[in-house]
């Protein structure tokens, strides 16, 4: 039985890319088609060249005969058509001139929404095409463009004298980027977008070396429309990542997709920049070199984002943020606050530090189990480093107890409290019954919480220092070695979260584990106050 639909679904806009093929999948035709799919337009393609490349190298490139490129283009346009077209790597003057002639004929029948990405110079500054191709790009294809999207180096090449070598370092400041965008409209395009991803600026918009400069940095793309004389600075945060292969291809494809949907140029470019920024922020590692963007960040809704410069600890913060009131009750418990002002009863602290040593023994066992459950040497070493830190901490703990008149025999003869039993056995149970990530989550509140408490009290001007018997305890958890152990623990959490990619259901279970362990931490503090 055939079921006929009363109405046909609306056809998606059709967008065509004319570019080279990237065998590694991160740039070129592959990046364009992924972008079109993610932005919900129908993508067709004309391939101009094929490459042999991966994330480490390009070790071969073969241009297709210009006649065959033209045949592809005529075939696609005569049947499928396109609401918008983008060009990428066209490789040589014959292909550029052939493509231009076909597009001129096509433009006589309908308005041509053409985005020209003048792929001539790599982001590192290496020239990719010969002088004839540069001349053809400059005087044959670029004048047809609605939007031209050069990177800094391509802008310099297009602005250089035809009879002179390319002038490098011509564009180094924001003002020079703006000037270049305006000058390039003289070639014919209505809109020029100068891509500034290779220049990092500080907060004062001064160019800096991103490899040697700490803190928040920025990049800017310049949008200039010569008809409206509208200039826009598209500023966004610089992301420290090696996964940036195909950024230019992706941006021009996203702009073309926006034009294909009927967006005006300014909105198409703005949305494309946002799309690329999110794709870089959520990028993931493929291969050993410069990996691709995450083109499908808007389609594949991951329960968690991957770590990035903007958010280095998304999983950790998700756990803590799942119940901020509970986390506050733990890190601001009366036991903690009374240590800060020196009013905690001595008996409460003595009971606590004896139980805490017993806890450390079980905590070390649990981290040793985490090392055993690890699947890579890096994970094994990371968990083992925490065990070593705990062993060092336990030796300091014994000396600290001696300062309070508690001998090692006193500690060993101390009966383990029920709160201690409940907490440590819960952690070990999660280690035995669950996976490596479950165990790391169960271990996390203790390590992270003590790190947060130590730094908060150490930096709080209201914390009593002179004459406070608990000041050494506070100072210990604020010192670099413990804070480094916290970072090691958080990094391990994040690596496991990326590697194991917990589903939404598993993530909910992990949140429960974290919050249950946090409750047991609170009970541990209360045990000290109640001395039971």
Protein backbone atom coordinates (compact mmCIF):
# COMPACT_ATOMS: atom_id res chain seq x y z
CA UNK A 1 0.00 0.00 0.00
CA UNK A 2 1.41 3.38 -0.99
CA UNK A 3 0.70 6.34 1.25
CA UNK A 4 0.62 9.70 -0.56
CA UNK A 5 1.48 12.82 1.39
CA UNK A 6 -0.96 15.68 0.97
CA UNK A 7 1.87 18.24 0.87
CA UNK A 8 5.49 17.91 -0.12
CA UNK A 9 8.02 18.96 2.45
CA UNK A 10 9.71 22.27 1.67
CA UNK A 11 12.92 21.75 -0.23
CA UNK A 12 16.07 22.91 1.53
CA UNK A 13 18.13 25.66 -0.10
CA UNK A 14 20.74 24.34 -2.53
CA UNK A 15 24.34 25.46 -2.09
CA UNK A 16 27.26 24.50 -4.33
CA UNK A 17 30.93 24.30 -3.42
CA UNK A 18 33.69 24.39 -6.04
CA UNK A 19 36.89 23.31 -4.30
CA UNK A 20 39.55 20.67 -3.78
CA UNK A 21 39.21 17.39 -1.94
CA UNK A 22 40.92 16.86 1.43
CA UNK A 23 41.56 13.15 1.97
CA UNK A 24 41.89 13.85 5.71
CA UNK A 25 38.33 15.16 5.81
CA UNK A 26 39.04 18.39 7.67
CA UNK A 27 39.04 21.01 4.91
CA UNK A 28 38.04 21.50 1.29
CA UNK A 29 35.02 19.78 -0.17
CA UNK A 30 34.66 17.53 2.86
CA UNK A 31 34.48 20.44 5.32
CA UNK A 32 32.07 22.29 3.03
CA UNK A 33 29.63 19.40 2.74
CA UNK A 34 29.73 18.82 6.50
CA UNK A 35 29.00 22.49 7.07
CA UNK A 36 26.13 22.50 4.58
CA UNK A 37 24.63 19.44 6.26
CA UNK A 38 24.99 20.89 9.74
CA UNK A 39 23.35 24.15 8.63
CA UNK A 40 20.55 22.27 6.87
CA UNK A 41 21.11 23.21 3.25
CA UNK A 42 21.49 20.77 0.37
CA UNK A 43 25.11 20.63 -0.69
CA UNK A 44 26.44 19.77 -4.15
CA UNK A 45 30.08 19.85 -5.20
CA UNK A 46 32.48 20.38 -8.08
CA UNK A 47 35.91 18.96 -7.34
CA UNK A 48 38.88 20.86 -8.76
CA UNK A 49 41.73 18.78 -7.32
CA UNK A 50 42.43 15.82 -5.12
CA UNK A 51 45.01 15.71 -2.36
CA UNK A 52 46.86 13.12 -0.35
CA UNK A 53 46.95 14.51 3.16
CA UNK A 54 46.33 13.83 6.82
CA UNK A 55 46.59 15.94 9.96
CA UNK A 56 50.39 16.00 9.73
CA UNK A 57 51.19 16.65 6.09
CA UNK A 58 50.11 17.21 2.50
CA UNK A 59 52.26 14.85 0.44
CA UNK A 60 50.49 14.99 -2.88
CA UNK A 61 48.09 17.10 -4.93
CA UNK A 62 46.64 16.45 -8.36
CA UNK A 63 44.61 19.04 -10.24
CA UNK A 64 41.76 17.79 -12.38
CA UNK A 65 41.72 18.88 -16.04
CA UNK A 66 39.94 22.23 -16.32
CA UNK A 67 37.63 20.72 -18.97
CA UNK A 68 36.38 18.15 -16.50
CA UNK A 69 35.91 20.77 -13.78
CA UNK A 70 33.81 22.82 -16.20
CA UNK A 71 31.83 19.71 -17.17
CA UNK A 72 31.01 19.03 -13.51
CA UNK A 73 29.94 22.63 -12.98
CA UNK A 74 27.68 22.76 -16.02
CA UNK A 75 26.14 19.42 -15.14
CA UNK A 76 25.28 20.42 -11.57
CA UNK A 77 23.96 23.89 -12.43
CA UNK A 78 21.89 22.73 -15.42
CA UNK A 79 19.88 20.34 -13.26
CA UNK A 80 20.18 21.13 -9.56
CA UNK A 81 21.08 24.80 -9.61
CA UNK A 82 22.18 26.71 -6.53
CA UNK A 83 20.85 29.51 -4.35
CA UNK A 84 24.44 30.24 -3.36
CA UNK A 85 27.89 29.16 -4.52
CA UNK A 86 31.27 29.18 -2.83
CA UNK A 87 34.69 28.62 -4.30
CA UNK A 88 37.73 27.32 -2.50
CA UNK A 89 40.97 25.89 -3.88
CA UNK A 90 40.79 26.33 -7.68
CA UNK A 91 44.50 25.53 -8.06
CA UNK A 92 45.44 27.06 -11.44
CA UNK A 93 44.50 29.84 -13.83
CA UNK A 94 42.84 27.49 -16.35
CA UNK A 95 40.39 26.25 -13.72
CA UNK A 96 39.75 29.76 -12.38
CA UNK A 97 39.06 31.17 -15.84
CA UNK A 98 36.88 28.21 -16.83
CA UNK A 99 34.81 28.40 -13.65
CA UNK A 100 34.41 32.16 -14.09
CA UNK A 101 33.06 31.79 -17.63
CA UNK A 102 30.45 29.24 -16.56
CA UNK A 103 29.38 31.38 -13.59
CA UNK A 104 29.03 34.44 -15.85
CA UNK A 105 26.62 32.51 -18.06
CA UNK A 106 24.72 31.24 -15.03
CA UNK A 107 24.51 34.77 -13.59
CA UNK A 108 22.64 36.02 -16.67
CA UNK A 109 19.68 33.85 -15.70
CA UNK A 110 19.57 34.65 -11.98
CA UNK A 111 21.28 36.67 -9.29
CA UNK A 112 24.60 35.12 -8.34
CA UNK A 113 25.22 34.79 -4.60
CA UNK A 114 28.92 33.97 -4.88
CA UNK A 115 31.31 33.61 -1.94
CA UNK A 116 34.93 33.55 -3.09
CA UNK A 117 37.41 32.11 -0.63
CA UNK A 118 40.67 32.98 -2.46
CA UNK A 119 42.65 29.95 -1.31
CA UNK A 120 46.12 31.02 -2.36
CA UNK A 121 48.17 31.28 0.85
CA UNK A 122 48.07 28.97 3.86
CA UNK A 123 47.47 30.25 7.38
CA UNK A 124 51.21 29.87 7.99
CA UNK A 125 52.00 32.13 5.01
CA UNK A 126 53.03 29.55 2.37
CA UNK A 127 51.94 30.37 -1.19
CA UNK A 128 49.82 27.55 -2.63
CA UNK A 129 49.35 28.68 -6.25
CA UNK A 130 51.46 30.10 -9.10
CA UNK A 131 51.49 33.76 -10.23
CA UNK A 132 49.10 33.12 -13.15
CA UNK A 133 46.52 31.74 -10.72
CA UNK A 134 46.94 34.77 -8.47
CA UNK A 135 46.34 37.10 -11.43
CA UNK A 136 43.26 35.13 -12.50
CA UNK A 137 41.87 35.12 -8.99
CA UNK A 138 42.46 38.84 -8.62
CA UNK A 139 41.09 40.07 -11.93
CA UNK A 140 38.82 37.30 -13.22
CA UNK A 141 36.93 35.66 -10.36
CA UNK A 142 37.12 38.14 -7.46
CA UNK A 143 35.23 40.87 -9.37
CA UNK A 144 32.26 38.47 -9.60
CA UNK A 145 32.17 37.83 -5.87
CA UNK A 146 29.37 39.06 -3.67
CA UNK A 147 31.54 38.26 -0.64
CA UNK A 148 35.33 37.82 -0.70
CA UNK A 149 36.90 36.06 2.34
CA UNK A 150 40.72 36.29 2.30
CA UNK A 151 42.91 35.48 5.27
CA UNK A 152 45.58 38.01 6.27
CA UNK A 153 48.20 36.61 3.89
CA UNK A 154 45.79 36.36 0.96
CA UNK A 155 44.70 39.93 1.56
CA UNK A 156 48.36 40.98 1.38
CA UNK A 157 48.81 39.05 -1.87
CA UNK A 158 45.71 40.58 -3.46
CA UNK A 159 46.86 44.05 -2.46
CA UNK A 160 50.45 43.60 -3.69
CA UNK A 161 51.69 45.14 -6.91
CA UNK A 162 51.31 42.68 -9.80
CA UNK A 163 54.91 43.13 -10.86
CA UNK A 164 56.41 42.82 -7.40
CA UNK A 165 56.78 39.90 -4.96
CA UNK A 166 54.11 39.59 -2.29
CA UNK A 167 54.62 42.09 0.51
CA UNK A 168 54.52 40.21 3.81
CA UNK A 169 53.64 41.60 7.22
CA UNK A 170 51.66 44.34 5.51
CA UNK A 171 48.71 43.66 7.83
CA UNK A 172 49.66 43.52 11.50
CA UNK A 173 47.16 45.74 13.31
CA UNK A 174 43.41 46.10 13.56
CA UNK A 175 43.59 49.36 11.64
CA UNK A 176 45.53 47.68 8.84
CA UNK A 177 42.93 44.90 8.65
CA UNK A 178 40.18 47.51 8.29
CA UNK A 179 42.13 49.36 5.63
CA UNK A 180 42.73 46.12 3.70
CA UNK A 181 39.03 45.22 3.75
CA UNK A 182 38.10 48.59 2.29
CA UNK A 183 40.83 48.52 -0.37
CA UNK A 184 39.91 45.00 -1.51
CA UNK A 185 36.39 46.09 -2.48
CA UNK A 186 38.09 47.96 -5.35
CA UNK A 187 38.57 44.57 -7.00
CA UNK A 188 34.80 44.29 -7.39
CA UNK A 189 33.21 42.36 -4.50
CA UNK A 190 30.51 44.20 -2.59
CA UNK A 191 31.53 42.69 0.76
CA UNK A 192 34.99 41.76 2.02
CA UNK A 193 35.57 39.68 5.14
CA UNK A 194 39.22 39.77 6.21
CA UNK A 195 39.79 36.70 8.38
CA UNK A 196 42.00 37.54 11.34
CA UNK A 197 42.40 34.15 12.96
CA UNK A 198 46.19 34.23 12.60
CA UNK A 199 46.57 37.44 14.65
CA UNK A 200 46.04 37.30 18.41
CA UNK A 201 45.22 40.53 20.24
CA UNK A 202 45.29 41.32 23.95
CA UNK A 203 42.50 43.21 25.73
CA UNK A 204 43.93 46.50 24.41
CA UNK A 205 43.75 45.12 20.84
CA UNK A 206 47.52 45.02 20.57
CA UNK A 207 49.01 42.14 18.58
CA UNK A 208 50.77 39.57 20.77
CA UNK A 209 52.40 36.17 20.42
CA UNK A 210 49.74 33.69 21.54
CA UNK A 211 52.42 31.07 22.26
CA UNK A 212 54.15 33.22 24.86
CA UNK A 213 51.31 35.36 26.20
CA UNK A 214 49.08 34.14 29.01
CA UNK A 215 45.57 35.30 29.77
CA UNK A 216 42.56 35.96 27.60
CA UNK A 217 43.33 36.85 23.99
CA UNK A 218 41.10 37.78 21.06
CA UNK A 219 40.85 37.47 17.29
CA UNK A 220 38.84 39.71 14.99
CA UNK A 221 37.32 39.29 11.54
CA UNK A 222 36.58 42.49 9.64
CA UNK A 223 33.32 42.82 7.68
CA UNK A 224 33.04 45.69 5.22
CA UNK A 225 30.16 46.41 2.84
CA UNK A 226 31.16 49.06 0.29
CA UNK A 227 27.58 49.87 -0.79
CA UNK A 228 26.37 50.68 2.71
CA UNK A 229 29.85 51.66 3.96
CA UNK A 230 29.12 49.44 6.95
CA UNK A 231 32.09 48.19 8.94
CA UNK A 232 31.79 45.52 11.65
CA UNK A 233 34.48 44.08 13.89
CA UNK A 234 33.58 40.47 14.67
CA UNK A 235 35.57 40.00 17.86
CA UNK A 236 35.74 36.71 19.73
CA UNK A 237 38.03 34.93 22.16
CA UNK A 238 41.20 33.30 20.82
CA UNK A 239 41.09 29.57 21.48
CA UNK A 240 44.39 27.85 22.15
CA UNK A 241 44.00 24.64 20.16
CA UNK A 242 45.75 22.75 17.39
CA UNK A 243 42.38 21.61 16.01
CA UNK A 244 41.90 24.43 13.52
CA UNK A 245 42.34 22.69 10.16
CA UNK A 246 39.73 23.83 7.66
CA UNK A 247 38.64 26.97 9.51
CA UNK A 248 38.63 29.17 6.39
CA UNK A 249 36.81 26.60 4.26
CA UNK A 250 34.23 26.13 6.97
CA UNK A 251 33.63 29.87 7.38
CA UNK A 252 33.06 30.51 3.68
CA UNK A 253 30.81 27.45 3.45
CA UNK A 254 28.78 28.66 6.42
CA UNK A 255 28.46 32.12 4.83
CA UNK A 256 27.24 30.53 1.58
CA UNK A 257 24.74 28.43 3.54
CA UNK A 258 23.38 31.59 5.15
CA UNK A 259 23.08 33.35 1.79
CA UNK A 260 21.36 30.28 0.40
CA UNK A 261 18.77 30.61 3.15
CA UNK A 262 18.12 34.18 2.13
CA UNK A 263 20.01 35.93 4.91
CA UNK A 264 21.51 39.35 4.18
CA UNK A 265 25.30 39.41 4.00
CA UNK A 266 25.86 40.88 7.45
CA UNK A 267 23.70 38.29 9.17
CA UNK A 268 25.10 35.43 7.07
CA UNK A 269 28.65 36.38 8.03
CA UNK A 270 27.86 36.96 11.71
CA UNK A 271 26.11 33.62 12.05
CA UNK A 272 28.93 31.89 10.17
CA UNK A 273 31.53 33.33 12.55
CA UNK A 274 29.48 32.10 15.53
CA UNK A 275 29.19 28.66 13.95
CA UNK A 276 32.95 28.40 13.37
CA UNK A 277 33.75 29.64 16.89
CA UNK A 278 31.54 26.95 18.40
CA UNK A 279 33.06 24.36 16.04
CA UNK A 280 36.56 25.27 17.25
CA UNK A 281 35.52 25.39 20.90
CA UNK A 282 34.03 21.89 20.75
CA UNK A 283 36.69 20.41 18.46
CA UNK A 284 38.13 16.99 19.16
CA UNK A 285 41.40 15.25 18.41
CA UNK A 286 41.71 13.35 15.13
CA UNK A 287 45.16 12.14 14.14
CA UNK A 288 48.45 13.38 15.53
CA UNK A 289 48.64 16.84 13.99
CA UNK A 290 46.23 19.70 13.36
CA UNK A 291 42.79 18.20 13.75
CA UNK A 292 39.48 19.37 12.28
CA UNK A 293 36.67 21.43 13.72
CA UNK A 294 33.52 19.89 15.15
CA UNK A 295 31.19 20.66 12.26
CA UNK A 296 28.27 18.87 13.89
CA UNK A 297 28.32 20.62 17.26
CA UNK A 298 24.80 21.92 16.65
CA UNK A 299 23.40 18.56 15.55
CA UNK A 300 25.04 16.16 17.97
CA UNK A 301 24.07 17.35 21.40
CA UNK A 302 26.68 15.86 23.67
CA UNK A 303 25.72 15.64 27.35
CA UNK A 304 29.03 17.38 28.01
CA UNK A 305 31.20 19.71 25.99
CA UNK A 306 34.87 18.85 25.58
CA UNK A 307 37.51 20.76 27.55
CA UNK A 308 38.68 23.96 25.88
CA UNK A 309 40.58 27.11 26.70
CA UNK A 310 37.27 28.75 27.48
CA UNK A 311 36.15 25.88 29.71
CA UNK A 312 39.02 23.57 30.71
CA UNK A 313 36.96 21.59 33.25
CA UNK A 314 33.40 21.16 31.90
CA UNK A 315 32.80 17.78 33.53
CA UNK A 316 34.16 18.83 36.92
CA UNK A 317 32.09 22.00 36.89
CA UNK A 318 29.02 20.06 35.81
CA UNK A 319 29.37 17.78 38.83
CA UNK A 320 29.89 20.64 41.28
CA UNK A 321 27.17 22.73 39.66
CA UNK A 322 24.62 19.91 39.77
CA UNK A 323 23.86 20.79 43.41
CA UNK A 324 25.59 24.05 44.39
CA UNK A 325 23.78 24.22 47.73
CA UNK A 326 25.13 20.81 48.71
CA UNK A 327 28.65 21.77 47.62
CA UNK A 328 28.39 24.96 49.67
CA UNK A 329 27.27 22.99 52.73
CA UNK A 330 30.40 20.86 52.35
CA UNK A 331 32.95 23.58 51.71
CA UNK A 332 31.44 26.01 54.27
CA UNK A 333 30.56 23.50 56.97
CA UNK A 334 30.64 24.83 60.55
CA UNK A 335 33.62 22.54 61.27
CA UNK A 336 35.53 24.33 58.50
CA UNK A 337 34.44 27.79 59.56
CA UNK A 338 35.41 27.12 63.16
CA UNK A 339 38.88 26.09 62.03
CA UNK A 340 39.11 29.38 60.15
CA UNK A 341 38.38 31.50 63.20
CA UNK A 342 40.17 29.20 65.64
CA UNK A 343 37.05 28.40 67.71
CA UNK A 344 36.83 24.67 66.87
CA UNK A 345 36.97 22.63 70.10
CA UNK A 346 40.28 20.85 70.48
CA UNK A 347 38.55 17.50 71.14
CA UNK A 348 36.64 17.77 67.87
CA UNK A 349 39.81 18.32 65.89
CA UNK A 350 41.67 15.49 67.66
CA UNK A 351 38.86 13.09 66.86
CA UNK A 352 38.80 14.30 63.26
CA UNK A 353 42.53 13.99 62.52
CA UNK A 354 42.69 10.42 63.88
CA UNK A 355 39.75 9.40 61.72
CA UNK A 356 41.23 11.30 58.80
CA UNK A 357 44.40 9.19 58.86
CA UNK A 358 42.30 6.04 58.76
CA UNK A 359 40.39 7.56 55.87
CA UNK A 360 43.64 8.31 54.02
CA UNK A 361 44.56 4.64 54.07
CA UNK A 362 41.31 3.68 52.36
CA UNK A 363 41.53 6.66 50.02
CA UNK A 364 44.98 5.50 48.92
CA UNK A 365 43.61 2.00 48.31
CA UNK A 366 40.81 3.45 46.19
CA UNK A 367 43.26 5.48 44.08
CA UNK A 368 45.45 2.39 43.70
CA UNK A 369 42.33 0.63 42.42
CA UNK A 370 41.83 3.52 40.01
CA UNK A 371 45.35 2.99 38.72
CA UNK A 372 44.59 -0.72 38.27
CA UNK A 373 41.38 0.03 36.37
CA UNK A 374 43.14 2.51 34.04
CA UNK A 375 43.69 1.43 30.45
CA UNK A 376 46.60 3.64 29.39
CA UNK A 377 49.99 4.35 30.88
CA UNK A 378 49.18 8.04 31.27
CA UNK A 379 46.05 7.21 33.25
CA UNK A 380 47.93 4.68 35.38
CA UNK A 381 50.66 7.19 36.15
CA UNK A 382 48.18 9.98 36.96
CA UNK A 383 46.32 7.82 39.47
CA UNK A 384 49.61 6.55 40.88
CA UNK A 385 50.82 10.12 41.37
CA UNK A 386 47.79 10.81 43.54
CA UNK A 387 48.59 7.69 45.59
CA UNK A 388 52.15 8.94 46.05
CA UNK A 389 50.81 12.31 47.13
CA UNK A 390 48.50 10.62 49.66
CA UNK A 391 51.45 8.61 51.01
CA UNK A 392 53.40 11.84 51.45
CA UNK A 393 50.34 13.44 53.01
CA UNK A 394 49.98 10.57 55.47
CA UNK A 395 53.56 11.02 56.66
CA UNK A 396 52.93 14.70 57.27
CA UNK A 397 49.68 13.72 58.95
CA UNK A 398 51.51 11.53 61.46
CA UNK A 399 53.94 14.34 62.29
CA UNK A 400 51.04 16.74 62.58
CA UNK A 401 49.27 14.35 64.96
CA UNK A 402 52.42 14.13 67.07
CA UNK A 403 52.34 17.92 67.44
CA UNK A 404 48.89 17.49 68.94
CA UNK A 405 50.07 14.77 71.30
CA UNK A 406 48.73 11.87 69.24
CA UNK A 407 51.16 9.00 68.66
CA UNK A 408 51.11 6.59 65.75
CA UNK A 409 49.97 3.84 68.17
CA UNK A 410 47.11 6.07 69.26
CA UNK A 411 45.98 6.38 65.65
CA UNK A 412 46.27 2.65 64.99
CA UNK A 413 44.29 1.85 68.12
CA UNK A 414 41.50 4.26 67.19
CA UNK A 415 38.22 2.58 66.37
CA UNK A 416 37.00 3.50 62.92
CA UNK A 417 33.86 5.61 63.07
CA UNK A 418 30.70 4.57 61.28
CA UNK A 419 30.89 7.73 59.15
CA UNK A 420 34.36 6.68 58.03
CA UNK A 421 33.17 3.18 57.26
CA UNK A 422 30.19 4.46 55.29
CA UNK A 423 32.24 6.88 53.22
CA UNK A 424 35.30 4.80 52.41
CA UNK A 425 33.35 1.63 51.66
CA UNK A 426 31.04 3.59 49.39
CA UNK A 427 34.00 4.81 47.38
CA UNK A 428 35.56 1.35 47.19
CA UNK A 429 32.23 -0.18 46.24
CA UNK A 430 31.89 2.21 43.33
CA UNK A 431 35.39 1.26 42.29
CA UNK A 432 34.63 -2.46 42.31
CA UNK A 433 31.10 -2.38 40.90
CA UNK A 434 31.46 0.53 38.46
CA UNK A 435 33.88 1.62 35.81
CA UNK A 436 36.98 3.78 36.01
CA UNK A 437 34.96 6.97 35.62
CA UNK A 438 32.53 6.01 38.40
CA UNK A 439 35.46 5.55 40.78
CA UNK A 440 37.08 8.84 39.80
CA UNK A 441 33.80 10.65 40.45
CA UNK A 442 33.41 9.01 43.87
CA UNK A 443 36.96 10.10 44.76
CA UNK A 444 36.54 13.64 43.50
CA UNK A 445 34.68 15.44 46.32
CA UNK A 446 37.43 14.77 48.85
CA UNK A 447 40.30 15.91 46.65
CA UNK A 448 38.53 18.86 45.09
CA UNK A 449 36.72 19.95 48.21
CA UNK A 450 39.84 20.11 50.35
CA UNK A 451 41.57 22.07 47.59
CA UNK A 452 38.71 24.58 47.41
CA UNK A 453 38.51 24.89 51.20
CA UNK A 454 42.27 25.31 51.59
CA UNK A 455 42.50 28.11 48.98
CA UNK A 456 39.35 29.86 50.18
CA UNK A 457 40.42 29.99 53.82
CA UNK A 458 44.03 30.80 52.95
CA UNK A 459 42.99 33.83 50.89
CA UNK A 460 40.19 34.96 53.19
CA UNK A 461 41.35 38.01 55.20
CA UNK A 462 38.94 36.98 57.96
CA UNK A 463 40.80 33.71 58.54
CA UNK A 464 42.73 33.92 61.80
CA UNK A 465 46.44 33.27 61.37
CA UNK A 466 48.30 34.33 64.48
CA UNK A 467 47.51 32.09 67.41
CA UNK A 468 45.21 29.85 65.39
CA UNK A 469 46.21 26.21 66.03
CA UNK A 470 44.43 25.19 62.79
CA UNK A 471 46.31 27.59 60.52
CA UNK A 472 48.96 24.97 59.57
CA UNK A 473 46.15 22.64 58.46
CA UNK A 474 44.65 25.37 56.29
CA UNK A 475 48.03 26.35 54.84
CA UNK A 476 48.83 22.74 53.95
CA UNK A 477 45.82 22.42 51.64
CA UNK A 478 46.58 25.73 49.94
CA UNK A 479 50.17 24.83 49.11
CA UNK A 480 51.27 24.18 45.55
CA UNK A 481 51.78 20.44 45.87
CA UNK A 482 48.21 19.83 47.03
CA UNK A 483 46.75 22.25 44.49
CA UNK A 484 48.74 20.46 41.79
CA UNK A 485 47.27 17.16 42.97
CA UNK A 486 43.82 18.73 42.57
CA UNK A 487 44.62 19.73 38.99
CA UNK A 488 45.90 16.23 38.29
CA UNK A 489 42.64 14.83 39.59
CA UNK A 490 40.53 17.23 37.54
CA UNK A 491 42.52 16.56 34.38
CA UNK A 492 42.06 12.84 34.92
CA UNK A 493 38.32 13.35 35.34
CA UNK A 494 38.13 15.35 32.12
CA UNK A 495 40.20 12.82 30.16
CA UNK A 496 37.96 9.97 31.28
CA UNK A 497 34.84 11.99 30.45
CA UNK A 498 36.09 12.68 26.91
CA UNK A 499 37.36 9.16 26.37
CA UNK A 500 34.33 7.32 27.72
CA UNK A 501 31.74 9.90 26.58
CA UNK A 502 29.05 9.07 29.15
CA UNK A 503 25.50 9.03 27.86
CA UNK A 504 22.91 11.33 29.40
CA UNK A 505 21.71 8.43 31.56
CA UNK A 506 25.23 7.55 32.74
CA UNK A 507 25.96 11.22 33.38
CA UNK A 508 22.92 11.41 35.66
CA UNK A 509 24.25 8.39 37.58
CA UNK A 510 27.66 10.05 37.89
CA UNK A 511 26.04 13.16 39.32
CA UNK A 512 24.31 10.97 41.90
CA UNK A 513 27.63 9.35 42.84
CA UNK A 514 29.32 12.73 43.21
CA UNK A 515 26.54 14.16 45.34
CA UNK A 516 26.35 11.05 47.51
CA UNK A 517 30.09 11.24 48.16
CA UNK A 518 29.69 14.95 48.95
CA UNK A 519 26.99 14.10 51.51
CA UNK A 520 29.36 11.60 53.09
CA UNK A 521 32.02 14.33 53.26
CA UNK A 522 29.55 16.53 55.12
CA UNK A 523 28.84 13.66 57.49
CA UNK A 524 32.59 13.36 58.07
CA UNK A 525 32.80 17.02 59.14
CA UNK A 526 29.77 16.55 61.38
CA UNK A 527 31.40 13.51 62.91
CA UNK A 528 34.24 15.78 64.04
CA UNK A 529 31.85 18.23 65.65
CA UNK A 530 29.79 15.52 67.34
CA UNK A 531 32.88 13.41 68.18
CA UNK A 532 31.02 10.15 67.57
